Each structure stands twice: as structure tokens, then as C-alpha cells.
């Protein structure tokens, strides 16, 4: 029996109905922290996209990669509807998921993602 590591597909936003970003990761807390702090240059840093608006877990790479691929090709209105289904108040879900993760000084356990 093959074991699959869970992966999350997620949507970040800059402000309600603002700029959006779709991504996929094995470590949602760590990856969200990278976006929040601008640790990695790119689209999210350039547009101030820091808030976690929606996510879902998948049983492995193939399932998560396929879902990410599909959502990236969706119309903007569909992505907004997806966020509003799970998160109608556009709350930053980072605070619900980070546990005891210290936003100022993260513990680096791995460099890849």
C-alpha cells in the first residue's frame, strides 16, 4: 500500500475582492508564513497578497496538483465564490491554522517547498 503525504491547495488574497493567488503545498502554515512575510519574491510580495482565504487538503501530489491546475484556470468570480463559500467574512484563516507558530521567528525545518 502506498502512503501519500497530504497536500493543501489554497487561495490567498490582498484584501476582500482584491488580488488573488492560488498555490499548493505540503506545509500550509510554513508556506503561508513565507507569503505573509515576503520571504520569497514574486507575485504575492509584489501585490501584498498575505491573507489565507481558502484551502482544502488532498491525499497526495497528483490530486492536489490537478485541483491547483483547474482552479488557476477558473474565472476570477469563481475563485471569489470559492472563498466566500468557506469564508464568507473574508477572515484571514492564517490565525486559525498557525497553532503555536511564532510569526516573528519561525523554526526552519526544511528549505524546499
Protein backbone atom coordinates (compact mmCIF):
# COMPACT_ATOMS: atom_id res chain seq x y z
CA UNK A 1 0.00 0.00 0.00
CA UNK A 2 1.41 3.39 -0.99
CA UNK A 3 1.21 6.22 1.53
CA UNK A 4 0.65 9.75 0.25
CA UNK A 5 1.66 12.88 2.10
CA UNK A 6 -1.28 15.29 2.35
CA UNK A 7 -1.04 18.48 0.31
CA UNK A 8 -3.11 21.64 0.55
CA UNK A 9 -4.42 23.75 -2.30
CA UNK A 10 -5.00 27.31 -1.11
CA UNK A 11 -6.13 30.79 -2.11
CA UNK A 12 -4.56 33.94 -0.70
CA UNK A 13 -5.93 37.46 -1.05
CA UNK A 14 -4.64 41.00 -0.53
CA UNK A 15 -8.00 42.36 0.69
CA UNK A 16 -11.60 41.25 0.16
CA UNK A 17 -12.15 41.06 -3.61
CA UNK A 18 -8.55 42.20 -4.16
CA UNK A 19 -5.60 40.43 -5.76
CA UNK A 20 -5.64 36.62 -5.55
CA UNK A 21 -3.07 33.83 -5.58
CA UNK A 22 -3.60 30.06 -5.95
CA UNK A 23 -0.96 27.69 -4.61
CA UNK A 24 -0.23 24.17 -3.39
CA UNK A 25 1.97 22.97 -0.53
CA UNK A 26 2.70 20.13 1.90
CA UNK A 27 3.12 22.60 4.78
CA UNK A 28 0.33 25.19 4.77
CA UNK A 29 1.50 27.07 7.88
CA UNK A 30 5.10 27.43 6.68
CA UNK A 31 4.13 28.38 3.13
CA UNK A 32 1.57 30.94 4.31
CA UNK A 33 4.21 32.44 6.60
CA UNK A 34 6.53 32.81 3.59
CA UNK A 35 3.83 34.72 1.72
CA UNK A 36 2.91 36.84 4.76
CA UNK A 37 6.46 37.98 5.39
CA UNK A 38 7.51 38.41 1.76
CA UNK A 39 10.29 35.87 2.28
CA UNK A 40 10.07 34.82 -1.36
CA UNK A 41 9.98 37.42 -4.14
CA UNK A 42 7.23 37.24 -6.73
CA UNK A 43 3.56 37.89 -7.35
CA UNK A 44 2.40 37.72 -3.73
CA UNK A 45 5.13 40.03 -2.46
CA UNK A 46 4.65 42.49 -5.34
CA UNK A 47 0.88 42.74 -4.78
CA UNK A 48 0.75 42.45 -0.98
CA UNK A 49 -1.14 39.14 -1.06
CA UNK A 50 -0.79 37.85 2.50
CA UNK A 51 -4.13 36.61 3.80
CA UNK A 52 -5.23 32.98 3.66
CA UNK A 53 -8.81 32.92 2.40
CA UNK A 54 -9.49 29.28 1.45
CA UNK A 55 -7.79 25.89 1.45
CA UNK A 56 -8.53 22.20 1.07
CA UNK A 57 -6.46 19.10 1.78
CA UNK A 58 -5.71 16.33 -0.71
CA UNK A 59 -4.28 12.83 -0.27
CA UNK A 60 -1.24 13.41 -2.43
CA UNK A 61 0.63 15.29 -5.10
CA UNK A 62 -1.42 14.23 -8.13
CA UNK A 63 -4.79 15.14 -6.65
CA UNK A 64 -3.56 18.48 -5.28
CA UNK A 65 -1.66 19.39 -8.45
CA UNK A 66 -4.71 18.65 -10.60
CA UNK A 67 -7.01 20.75 -8.37
CA UNK A 68 -4.50 23.63 -8.35
CA UNK A 69 -4.24 23.42 -12.15
CA UNK A 70 -8.02 23.63 -12.52
CA UNK A 71 -8.52 26.49 -10.06
CA UNK A 72 -5.73 28.56 -11.64
CA UNK A 73 -7.69 28.44 -14.90
CA UNK A 74 -11.01 29.43 -13.31
CA UNK A 75 -12.57 32.83 -13.81
CA UNK A 76 -11.89 35.32 -11.04
CA UNK A 77 -15.57 35.33 -9.99
CA UNK A 78 -15.44 31.56 -9.42
CA UNK A 79 -12.37 31.91 -7.18
CA UNK A 80 -14.11 34.63 -5.18
CA UNK A 81 -17.18 32.40 -4.84
CA UNK A 82 -14.95 29.56 -3.61
CA UNK A 83 -13.51 31.80 -0.89
CA UNK A 84 -16.95 33.08 0.10
CA UNK A 85 -18.33 29.54 0.39
CA UNK A 86 -15.76 28.60 3.06
CA UNK A 87 -15.05 32.06 4.39
CA UNK A 88 -17.97 34.48 3.82
CA UNK A 89 -16.45 37.20 6.03
CA UNK A 90 -13.07 37.10 4.24
CA UNK A 91 -11.38 36.34 7.56
CA UNK A 92 -7.63 35.67 7.43
CA UNK A 93 -7.57 31.91 8.14
CA UNK A 94 -3.85 32.06 8.98
CA UNK A 95 -4.74 32.74 12.61
CA UNK A 96 -6.93 29.62 12.77
CA UNK A 97 -4.23 27.35 11.31
CA UNK A 98 -0.92 28.54 12.66
CA UNK A 99 -1.19 26.86 16.06
CA UNK A 100 1.77 27.96 18.17
CA UNK A 101 3.77 29.07 15.14
CA UNK A 102 5.59 32.29 16.06
CA UNK A 103 5.11 34.73 13.17
CA UNK A 104 8.25 36.67 14.06
CA UNK A 105 10.78 33.84 14.43
CA UNK A 106 9.88 30.64 12.58
CA UNK A 107 11.70 27.39 13.17
CA UNK A 108 13.19 26.37 9.83
CA UNK A 109 12.91 22.61 9.46
CA UNK A 110 13.36 22.43 5.70
CA UNK A 111 14.16 24.76 2.86
CA UNK A 112 12.25 23.25 -0.05
CA UNK A 113 8.58 23.70 -0.88
